[in-house]
Amino acid sequence: MAPALQPGSYALFRRSADVAAGDIVLAAHKKYGWIVKAVARADARNVDLMGLNAASTSRTDLGQTARERIYGRLLWPRATPGRSRRSGGPAAP
């Protein structure tokens, strides 16, 4: 299964640690650096993150992430530059 966001894609995040289960977030993970993951569970202090495909890092390996390490919530993904969003081919010059 392919990643939900392909390498080189653009994404727009709203800066906030106010996230809930099911949200896609950008987080500064202590071990993995900047990651984009789904929120599995959230409490007042921590967030459990999970990948959206089978090849993703497991929830166990990710562990709990402090809310202050959540950069923001995904608002809008965008296709890779140089490709037409409708055809999937190169954009017109």
PDB file of N, CA and C in Angstrom:
ATOM      1  N   MET A   1       0.848  -1.176   0.000  1.00  0.00           N
ATOM      2  CA  MET A   1       0.000   0.000   0.000  1.00  0.00           C
ATOM      3  C   MET A   1       0.892   1.237   0.000  1.00  0.00           C
ATOM      4  N   ALA A   2       0.571   2.204  -0.817  1.00  0.00           N
ATOM      5  CA  ALA A   2       1.370   3.421  -0.945  1.00  0.00           C
ATOM      6  C   ALA A   2       1.071   4.403   0.191  1.00  0.00           C
ATOM      7  N   PRO A   3       2.028   5.278   0.506  1.00  0.00           N
ATOM      8  CA  PRO A   3       1.770   6.310   1.525  1.00  0.00           C
ATOM      9  C   PRO A   3       0.592   7.202   1.116  1.00  0.00           C
ATOM     10  N   ALA A   4      -0.127   7.723   2.097  1.00  0.00           N
ATOM     11  CA  ALA A   4      -1.252   8.618   1.824  1.00  0.00           C
ATOM     12  C   ALA A   4      -0.776   9.907   1.156  1.00  0.00           C
ATOM     13  N   LEU A   5       0.385  10.396   1.556  1.00  0.00           N
ATOM     14  CA  LEU A   5       1.018  11.556   0.914  1.00  0.00           C
ATOM     15  C   LEU A   5       2.305  11.075   0.265  1.00  0.00           C
ATOM     16  N   GLN A   6       2.414  11.231  -1.030  1.00  0.00           N
ATOM     17  CA  GLN A   6       3.596  10.789  -1.765  1.00  0.00           C
ATOM     18  C   GLN A   6       4.762  11.738  -1.511  1.00  0.00           C
ATOM     19  N   PRO A   7       6.002  11.234  -1.557  1.00  0.00           N
ATOM     20  CA  PRO A   7       7.168  12.115  -1.425  1.00  0.00           C
ATOM     21  C   PRO A   7       7.117  13.227  -2.472  1.00  0.00           C
ATOM     22  N   GLY A   8       7.386  14.456  -2.059  1.00  0.00           N
ATOM     23  CA  GLY A   8       7.339  15.600  -2.966  1.00  0.00           C
ATOM     24  C   GLY A   8       5.993  16.283  -3.033  1.00  0.00           C
ATOM     25  N   SER A   9       4.972  15.709  -2.405  1.00  0.00           N
ATOM     26  CA  SER A   9       3.652  16.337  -2.395  1.00  0.00           C
ATOM     27  C   SER A   9       3.648  17.538  -1.465  1.00  0.00           C
ATOM     28  N   TYR A  10       2.758  18.468  -1.726  1.00  0.00           N
ATOM     29  CA  TYR A  10       2.560  19.606  -0.839  1.00  0.00           C
ATOM     30  C   TYR A  10       1.359  19.331   0.052  1.00  0.00           C
ATOM     31  N   ALA A  11       1.400  19.842   1.262  1.00  0.00           N
ATOM     32  CA  ALA A  11       0.282  19.699   2.187  1.00  0.00           C
ATOM     33  C   ALA A  11       0.186  20.968   3.013  1.00  0.00           C
ATOM     34  N   LEU A  12      -1.016  21.348   3.366  1.00  0.00           N
ATOM     35  CA  LEU A  12      -1.254  22.538   4.181  1.00  0.00           C
ATOM     36  C   LEU A  12      -1.726  22.081   5.555  1.00  0.00           C
ATOM     37  N   PHE A  13      -1.035  22.568   6.590  1.00  0.00           N
ATOM     38  CA  PHE A  13      -1.378  22.224   7.968  1.00  0.00           C
ATOM     39  C   PHE A  13      -1.785  23.476   8.720  1.00  0.00           C
ATOM     40  N   ARG A  14      -2.785  23.346   9.589  1.00  0.00           N
ATOM     41  CA  ARG A  14      -3.173  24.437  10.486  1.00  0.00           C
ATOM     42  C   ARG A  14      -2.432  24.234  11.799  1.00  0.00           C
ATOM     43  N   ARG A  15      -1.676  25.245  12.216  1.00  0.00           N
ATOM     44  CA  ARG A  15      -0.876  25.179  13.444  1.00  0.00           C
ATOM     45  C   ARG A  15      -1.800  25.045  14.646  1.00  0.00           C
ATOM     46  N   SER A  16      -1.745  23.882  15.272  1.00  0.00           N
ATOM     47  CA  SER A  16      -2.579  23.638  16.442  1.00  0.00           C
ATOM     48  C   SER A  16      -2.230  22.289  17.047  1.00  0.00           C
ATOM     49  N   ALA A  17      -2.285  22.202  18.359  1.00  0.00           N
ATOM     50  CA  ALA A  17      -2.138  20.924  19.054  1.00  0.00           C
ATOM     51  C   ALA A  17      -3.510  20.406  19.467  1.00  0.00           C
ATOM     52  N   ASP A  18      -4.563  21.130  19.072  1.00  0.00           N
ATOM     53  CA  ASP A  18      -5.930  20.729  19.380  1.00  0.00           C
ATOM     54  C   ASP A  18      -6.385  19.736  18.315  1.00  0.00           C
ATOM     55  N   VAL A  19      -6.073  18.461  18.541  1.00  0.00           N
ATOM     56  CA  VAL A  19      -6.375  17.413  17.576  1.00  0.00           C
ATOM     57  C   VAL A  19      -7.179  16.316  18.243  1.00  0.00           C
ATOM     58  N   ALA A  20      -7.845  15.517  17.418  1.00  0.00           N
ATOM     59  CA  ALA A  20      -8.680  14.435  17.921  1.00  0.00           C
ATOM     60  C   ALA A  20      -8.432  13.180  17.087  1.00  0.00           C
ATOM     61  N   ALA A  21      -8.901  12.046  17.572  1.00  0.00           N
ATOM     62  CA  ALA A  21      -8.758  10.785  16.851  1.00  0.00           C
ATOM     63  C   ALA A  21      -9.267  10.935  15.424  1.00  0.00           C
ATOM     64  N   GLY A  22      -8.476  10.417  14.481  1.00  0.00           N
ATOM     65  CA  GLY A  22      -8.832  10.485  13.069  1.00  0.00           C
ATOM     66  C   GLY A  22      -8.172  11.627  12.313  1.00  0.00           C
ATOM     67  N   ASP A  23      -7.708  12.666  13.018  1.00  0.00           N
ATOM     68  CA  ASP A  23      -7.024  13.778  12.354  1.00  0.00           C
ATOM     69  C   ASP A  23      -5.670  13.315  11.825  1.00  0.00           C
ATOM     70  N   ILE A  24      -5.233  13.882  10.706  1.00  0.00           N
ATOM     71  CA  ILE A  24      -3.899  13.666  10.171  1.00  0.00           C
ATOM     72  C   ILE A  24      -3.054  14.858  10.634  1.00  0.00           C
ATOM     73  N   VAL A  25      -1.895  14.574  11.215  1.00  0.00           N
ATOM     74  CA  VAL A  25      -1.096  15.644  11.815  1.00  0.00           C
ATOM     75  C   VAL A  25       0.363  15.588  11.364  1.00  0.00           C
ATOM     76  N   LEU A  26       1.029  16.724  11.494  1.00  0.00           N
ATOM     77  CA  LEU A  26       2.475  16.831  11.334  1.00  0.00           C
ATOM     78  C   LEU A  26       3.044  16.945  12.738  1.00  0.00           C
ATOM     79  N   ALA A  27       3.985  16.049  13.066  1.00  0.00           N
ATOM     80  CA  ALA A  27       4.547  16.029  14.414  1.00  0.00           C
ATOM     81  C   ALA A  27       6.068  15.991  14.354  1.00  0.00           C
ATOM     82  N   ALA A  28       6.694  16.571  15.364  1.00  0.00           N
ATOM     83  CA  ALA A  28       8.148  16.511  15.529  1.00  0.00           C
ATOM     84  C   ALA A  28       8.424  15.357  16.491  1.00  0.00           C
ATOM     85  N   HIS A  29       8.646  14.178  15.944  1.00  0.00           N
ATOM     86  CA  HIS A  29       8.851  12.979  16.748  1.00  0.00           C
ATOM     87  C   HIS A  29      10.295  12.921  17.256  1.00  0.00           C
ATOM     88  N   LYS A  30      10.483  12.506  18.489  1.00  0.00           N
ATOM     89  CA  LYS A  30      11.825  12.455  19.093  1.00  0.00           C
ATOM     90  C   LYS A  30      12.776  11.524  18.348  1.00  0.00           C
ATOM     91  N   LYS A  31      12.288  10.406  17.854  1.00  0.00           N
ATOM     92  CA  LYS A  31      13.135   9.419  17.189  1.00  0.00           C
ATOM     93  C   LYS A  31      13.142   9.561  15.666  1.00  0.00           C
ATOM     94  N   TYR A  32      11.980   9.869  15.061  1.00  0.00           N
ATOM     95  CA  TYR A  32      11.832   9.839  13.604  1.00  0.00           C
ATOM     96  C   TYR A  32      11.849  11.219  12.948  1.00  0.00           C
ATOM     97  N   GLY A  33      11.952  12.284  13.727  1.00  0.00           N
ATOM     98  CA  GLY A  33      11.942  13.631  13.150  1.00  0.00           C
ATOM     99  C   GLY A  33      10.536  14.040  12.738  1.00  0.00           C
ATOM    100  N   TRP A  34      10.442  14.823  11.663  1.00  0.00           N
ATOM    101  CA  TRP A  34       9.129  15.293  11.188  1.00  0.00           C
ATOM    102  C   TRP A  34       8.387  14.131  10.536  1.00  0.00           C
ATOM    103  N   ILE A  35       7.179  13.852  11.034  1.00  0.00           N
ATOM    104  CA  ILE A  35       6.367  12.765  10.490  1.00  0.00           C
ATOM    105  C   ILE A  35       4.934  13.231  10.287  1.00  0.00           C
ATOM    106  N   VAL A  36       4.264  12.609   9.332  1.00  0.00           N
ATOM    107  CA  VAL A  36       2.835  12.838   9.091  1.00  0.00           C
ATOM    108  C   VAL A  36       2.135  11.534   9.427  1.00  0.00           C
ATOM    109  N   LYS A  37       1.263  11.574  10.416  1.00  0.00           N
ATOM    110  CA  LYS A  37       0.575  10.371  10.894  1.00  0.00           C
ATOM    111  C   LYS A  37      -0.864  10.718  11.269  1.00  0.00           C
ATOM    112  N   ALA A  38      -1.665   9.672  11.475  1.00  0.00           N
ATOM    113  CA  ALA A  38      -3.045   9.838  11.944  1.00  0.00           C
ATOM    114  C   ALA A  38      -3.055   9.751  13.470  1.00  0.00           C
ATOM    115  N   VAL A  39      -3.970  10.477  14.083  1.00  0.00           N
ATOM    116  CA  VAL A  39      -4.151  10.404  15.537  1.00  0.00           C
ATOM    117  C   VAL A  39      -5.032   9.196  15.842  1.00  0.00           C
ATOM    118  N   ALA A  40      -4.505   8.253  16.621  1.00  0.00           N
ATOM    119  CA  ALA A  40      -5.274   7.073  17.030  1.00  0.00           C
ATOM    120  C   ALA A  40      -6.087   7.383  18.285  1.00  0.00           C
ATOM    121  N   ARG A  41      -5.452   8.103  19.201  1.00  0.00           N
ATOM    122  CA  ARG A  41      -6.083   8.447  20.481  1.00  0.00           C
ATOM    123  C   ARG A  41      -5.388   9.675  21.027  1.00  0.00           C
ATOM    124  N   ALA A  42      -6.145  10.502  21.725  1.00  0.00           N
ATOM    125  CA  ALA A  42      -5.562  11.710  22.314  1.00  0.00           C
ATOM    126  C   ALA A  42      -6.162  11.944  23.693  1.00  0.00           C
ATOM    127  N   ASP A  43      -5.300  12.368  24.617  1.00  0.00           N
ATOM    128  CA  ASP A  43      -5.784  12.794  25.926  1.00  0.00           C
ATOM    129  C   ASP A  43      -5.276  14.216  26.163  1.00  0.00           C
ATOM    130  N   ALA A  44      -5.397  14.709  27.370  1.00  0.00           N
ATOM    131  CA  ALA A  44      -5.039  16.104  27.649  1.00  0.00           C
ATOM    132  C   ALA A  44      -3.561  16.404  27.421  1.00  0.00           C
ATOM    133  N   ARG A  45      -2.680  15.402  27.566  1.00  0.00           N
ATOM    134  CA  ARG A  45      -1.234  15.657  27.473  1.00  0.00           C
ATOM    135  C   ARG A  45      -0.534  14.978  26.300  1.00  0.00           C
ATOM    136  N   ASN A  46      -1.052  13.825  25.866  1.00  0.00           N
ATOM    137  CA  ASN A  46      -0.356  13.026  24.862  1.00  0.00           C
ATOM    138  C   ASN A  46      -1.267  12.602  23.719  1.00  0.00           C
ATOM    139  N   VAL A  47      -0.612  12.214  22.624  1.00  0.00           N
ATOM    140  CA  VAL A  47      -1.311  11.754  21.429  1.00  0.00           C
ATOM    141  C   VAL A  47      -0.666  10.445  20.996  1.00  0.00           C
ATOM    142  N   ASP A  48      -1.483   9.435  20.683  1.00  0.00           N
ATOM    143  CA  ASP A  48      -0.985   8.195  20.085  1.00  0.00           C
ATOM    144  C   ASP A  48      -1.155   8.335  18.582  1.00  0.00           C
ATOM    145  N   LEU A  49      -0.051   8.144  17.849  1.00  0.00           N
ATOM    146  CA  LEU A  49      -0.070   8.288  16.395  1.00  0.00           C
ATOM    147  C   LEU A  49       0.007   6.929  15.725  1.00  0.00           C
ATOM    148  N   MET A  50      -0.537   6.850  14.503  1.00  0.00           N
ATOM    149  CA  MET A  50      -0.460   5.614  13.730  1.00  0.00           C
ATOM    150  C   MET A  50      -0.361   5.952  12.247  1.00  0.00           C
ATOM    151  N   GLY A  51       0.245   5.057  11.505  1.00  0.00           N
ATOM    152  CA  GLY A  51       0.339   5.214  10.063  1.00  0.00           C
ATOM    153  C   GLY A  51      -0.963   4.799   9.394  1.00  0.00           C
ATOM    154  N   LEU A  52      -1.106   5.170   8.122  1.00  0.00           N
ATOM    155  CA  LEU A  52      -2.322   4.849   7.386  1.00  0.00           C
ATOM    156  C   LEU A  52      -2.132   3.682   6.426  1.00  0.00           C
ATOM    157  N   ASN A  53      -0.979   3.039   6.445  1.00  0.00           N
ATOM    158  CA  ASN A  53      -0.801   1.860   5.605  1.00  0.00           C
ATOM    159  C   ASN A  53      -0.020   0.796   6.364  1.00  0.00           C
ATOM    160  N   ALA A  54      -0.055  -0.417   5.844  1.00  0.00           N
ATOM    161  CA  ALA A  54       0.533  -1.568   6.530  1.00  0.00           C
ATOM    162  C   ALA A  54       2.043  -1.464   6.690  1.00  0.00           C
ATOM    163  N   ALA A  55       2.734  -0.762   5.789  1.00  0.00           N
ATOM    164  CA  ALA A  55       4.192  -0.653   5.850  1.00  0.00           C
ATOM    165  C   ALA A  55       4.670   0.453   6.788  1.00  0.00           C
ATOM    166  N   SER A  56       3.755   1.170   7.400  1.00  0.00           N
ATOM    167  CA  SER A  56       4.102   2.292   8.266  1.00  0.00           C
ATOM    168  C   SER A  56       4.694   1.818   9.592  1.00  0.00           C
ATOM    169  N   THR A  57       5.399   2.708  10.262  1.00  0.00           N
ATOM    170  CA  THR A  57       5.930   2.442  11.597  1.00  0.00           C
ATOM    171  C   THR A  57       4.768   2.124  12.536  1.00  0.00           C
ATOM    172  N   SER A  58       4.929   1.110  13.378  1.00  0.00           N
ATOM    173  CA  SER A  58       3.836   0.683  14.253  1.00  0.00           C
ATOM    174  C   SER A  58       3.563   1.696  15.368  1.00  0.00           C
ATOM    175  N   ARG A  59       2.357   1.628  15.897  1.00  0.00           N
ATOM    176  CA  ARG A  59       1.985   2.491  17.034  1.00  0.00           C
ATOM    177  C   ARG A  59       2.898   2.219  18.217  1.00  0.00           C
ATOM    178  N   THR A  60       3.281   0.972  18.413  1.00  0.00           N
ATOM    179  CA  THR A  60       4.171   0.601  19.520  1.00  0.00           C
ATOM    180  C   THR A  60       5.521   1.288  19.374  1.00  0.00           C
ATOM    181  N   ASP A  61       6.089   1.275  18.153  1.00  0.00           N
ATOM    182  CA  ASP A  61       7.374   1.927  17.921  1.00  0.00           C
ATOM    183  C   ASP A  61       7.279   3.446  18.053  1.00  0.00           C
ATOM    184  N   LEU A  62       6.152   4.010  17.652  1.00  0.00           N
ATOM    185  CA  LEU A  62       5.982   5.464  17.746  1.00  0.00           C
ATOM    186  C   LEU A  62       5.809   5.917  19.188  1.00  0.00           C
ATOM    187  N   GLY A  63       5.128   5.104  19.994  1.00  0.00           N
ATOM    188  CA  GLY A  63       4.874   5.477  21.386  1.00  0.00           C
ATOM    189  C   GLY A  63       3.993   6.709  21.483  1.00  0.00           C
ATOM    190  N   GLN A  64       3.870   7.254  22.667  1.00  0.00           N
ATOM    191  CA  GLN A  64       3.071   8.460  22.865  1.00  0.00           C
ATOM    192  C   GLN A  64       3.887   9.690  22.483  1.00  0.00           C
ATOM    193  N   THR A  65       3.202  10.661  21.904  1.00  0.00           N
ATOM    194  CA  THR A  65       3.816  11.927  21.519  1.00  0.00           C
ATOM    195  C   THR A  65       3.158  13.033  22.326  1.00  0.00           C
ATOM    196  N   ALA A  66       3.958  13.855  22.979  1.00  0.00           N
ATOM    197  CA  ALA A  66       3.416  14.975  23.765  1.00  0.00           C
ATOM    198  C   ALA A  66       2.713  15.954  22.830  1.00  0.00           C
ATOM    199  N   ARG A  67       1.608  16.519  23.271  1.00  0.00           N
ATOM    200  CA  ARG A  67       0.847  17.470  22.454  1.00  0.00           C
ATOM    201  C   ARG A  67       1.698  18.635  21.966  1.00  0.00           C
ATOM    202  N   GLU A  68       2.667  19.077  22.769  1.00  0.00           N
ATOM    203  CA  GLU A  68       3.488  20.217  22.345  1.00  0.00           C
ATOM    204  C   GLU A  68       4.379  19.874  21.154  1.00  0.00           C
ATOM    205  N   ARG A  69       4.503  18.586  20.814  1.00  0.00           N
ATOM    206  CA  ARG A  69       5.291  18.164  19.654  1.00  0.00           C
ATOM    207  C   ARG A  69       4.439  18.026  18.389  1.00  0.00           C
ATOM    208  N   ILE A  70       3.132  18.298  18.533  1.00  0.00           N
ATOM    209  CA  ILE A  70       2.234  18.292  17.364  1.00  0.00           C
ATOM    210  C   ILE A  70       2.289  19.678  16.740  1.00  0.00           C
ATOM    211  N   TYR A  71       2.705  19.751  15.480  1.00  0.00           N
ATOM    212  CA  TYR A  71       2.816  21.037  14.786  1.00  0.00           C
ATOM    213  C   TYR A  71       1.450  21.504  14.299  1.00  0.00           C
ATOM    214  N   GLY A  72       0.683  20.628  13.695  1.00  0.00           N
ATOM    215  CA  GLY A  72      -0.612  21.044  13.176  1.00  0.00           C
ATOM    216  C   GLY A  72      -1.389  19.904  12.543  1.00  0.00           C
ATOM    217  N   ARG A  73      -2.606  20.243  12.144  1.00  0.00           N
ATOM    218  CA  ARG A  73      -3.561  19.297  11.566  1.00  0.00           C
ATOM    219  C   ARG A  73      -3.637  19.517  10.058  1.00  0.00           C
ATOM    220  N   LEU A  74      -3.678  18.424   9.290  1.00  0.00           N
ATOM    221  CA  LEU A  74      -3.739  18.496   7.837  1.00  0.00           C
ATOM    222  C   LEU A  74      -5.050  19.125   7.377  1.00  0.00           C
ATOM    223  N   LEU A  75      -4.931  20.157   6.536  1.00  0.00           N
ATOM    224  CA  LEU A  75      -6.110  20.795   5.955  1.00  0.00           C
ATOM    225  C   LEU A  75      -6.289  20.422   4.491  1.00  0.00           C
ATOM    226  N   TRP A  76      -5.151  20.325   3.758  1.00  0.00           N
ATOM    227  CA  TRP A  76      -5.266  20.169   2.314  1.00  0.00           C
ATOM    228  C   TRP A  76      -4.017  19.544   1.723  1.00  0.00           C
ATOM    229  N   PRO A  77      -4.151  18.348   1.110  1.00  0.00           N
ATOM    230  CA  PRO A  77      -3.017  17.808   0.358  1.00  0.00           C
ATOM    231  C   PRO A  77      -3.052  18.334  -1.070  1.00  0.00           C
ATOM    232  N   ARG A  78      -1.890  18.392  -1.731  1.00  0.00           N
ATOM    233  CA  ARG A  78      -1.803  18.893  -3.096  1.00  0.00           C
ATOM    234  C   ARG A  78      -0.888  17.989  -3.910  1.00  0.00           C
ATOM    235  N   ALA A  79      -1.204  17.835  -5.182  1.00  0.00           N
ATOM    236  CA  ALA A  79      -0.405  16.994  -6.069  1.00  0.00           C
ATOM    237  C   ALA A  79       1.011  17.545  -6.195  1.00  0.00           C
ATOM    238  N   THR A  80       1.934  16.684  -6.561  1.00  0.00           N
ATOM    239  CA  THR A  80       3.327  17.068  -6.768  1.00  0.00           C
ATOM    240  C   THR A  80       3.417  18.129  -7.861  1.00  0.00           C
ATOM    241  N   PRO A  81       4.259  19.182  -7.709  1.00  0.00           N
ATOM    242  CA  PRO A  81       4.406  20.207  -8.729  1.00  0.00           C
ATOM    243  C   PRO A  81       4.854  19.605 -10.060  1.00  0.00           C
ATOM    244  N   GLY A  82       4.428  20.222 -11.162  1.00  0.00           N
ATOM    245  CA  GLY A  82       4.790  19.746 -12.479  1.00  0.00           C
ATOM    246  C   GLY A  82       3.831  18.712 -13.025  1.00  0.00           C
ATOM    247  N   ARG A  83       2.798  18.385 -12.266  1.00  0.00           N
ATOM    248  CA  ARG A  83       1.794  17.429 -12.730  1.00  0.00           C
ATOM    249  C   ARG A  83       0.424  18.082 -12.690  1.00  0.00           C
ATOM    250  N   SER A  84      -0.336  17.785 -13.706  1.00  0.00           N
ATOM    251  CA  SER A  84      -1.705  18.273 -13.765  1.00  0.00           C
ATOM    252  C   SER A  84      -2.537  17.503 -12.748  1.00  0.00           C
ATOM    253  N   ARG A  85      -3.346  18.156 -11.996  1.00  0.00           N
ATOM    254  CA  ARG A  85      -4.169  17.485 -10.990  1.00  0.00           C
ATOM    255  C   ARG A  85      -5.240  16.631 -11.630  1.00  0.00           C
ATOM    256  N   ARG A  86      -5.713  16.992 -12.829  1.00  0.00           N
ATOM    257  CA  ARG A  86      -6.767  16.224 -13.480  1.00  0.00           C
ATOM    258  C   ARG A  86      -6.236  15.014 -14.224  1.00  0.00           C
ATOM    259  N   SER A  87      -5.201  15.167 -15.036  1.00  0.00           N
ATOM    260  CA  SER A  87      -4.744  14.086 -15.895  1.00  0.00           C
ATOM    261  C   SER A  87      -3.670  13.221 -15.263  1.00  0.00           C
ATOM    262  N   GLY A  88      -2.945  13.766 -14.287  1.00  0.00           N
ATOM    263  CA  GLY A  88      -1.813  13.059 -13.711  1.00  0.00           C
ATOM    264  C   GLY A  88      -0.561  13.197 -14.541  1.00  0.00           C
ATOM    265  N   GLY A  89      -0.663  13.844 -15.715  1.00  0.00           N
ATOM    266  CA  GLY A  89       0.492  14.036 -16.589  1.00  0.00           C
ATOM    267  C   GLY A  89       1.153  15.373 -16.310  1.00  0.00           C
ATOM    268  N   PRO A  90       2.225  15.676 -17.064  1.00  0.00           N
ATOM    269  CA  PRO A  90       2.921  16.947 -16.867  1.00  0.00           C
ATOM    270  C   PRO A  90       2.002  18.145 -17.108  1.00  0.00           C
ATOM    271  N   ALA A  91       2.201  19.178 -16.334  1.00  0.00           N
ATOM    272  CA  ALA A  91       1.419  20.408 -16.487  1.00  0.00           C
ATOM    273  C   ALA A  91       1.813  21.108 -17.784  1.00  0.00           C
ATOM    274  N   ALA A  92       0.888  21.817 -18.374  1.00  0.00           N
ATOM    275  CA  ALA A  92       1.163  22.573 -19.602  1.00  0.00           C
ATOM    276  C   ALA A  92       2.144  23.699 -19.305  1.00  0.00           C
ATOM    277  N   PRO A  93       3.070  23.999 -20.280  1.00  0.00           N
ATOM    278  CA  PRO A  93       4.046  25.071 -20.042  1.00  0.00           C
ATOM    279  C   PRO A  93       3.398  26.429 -19.943  1.00  0.00           C
TER     280      PRO A  93
END
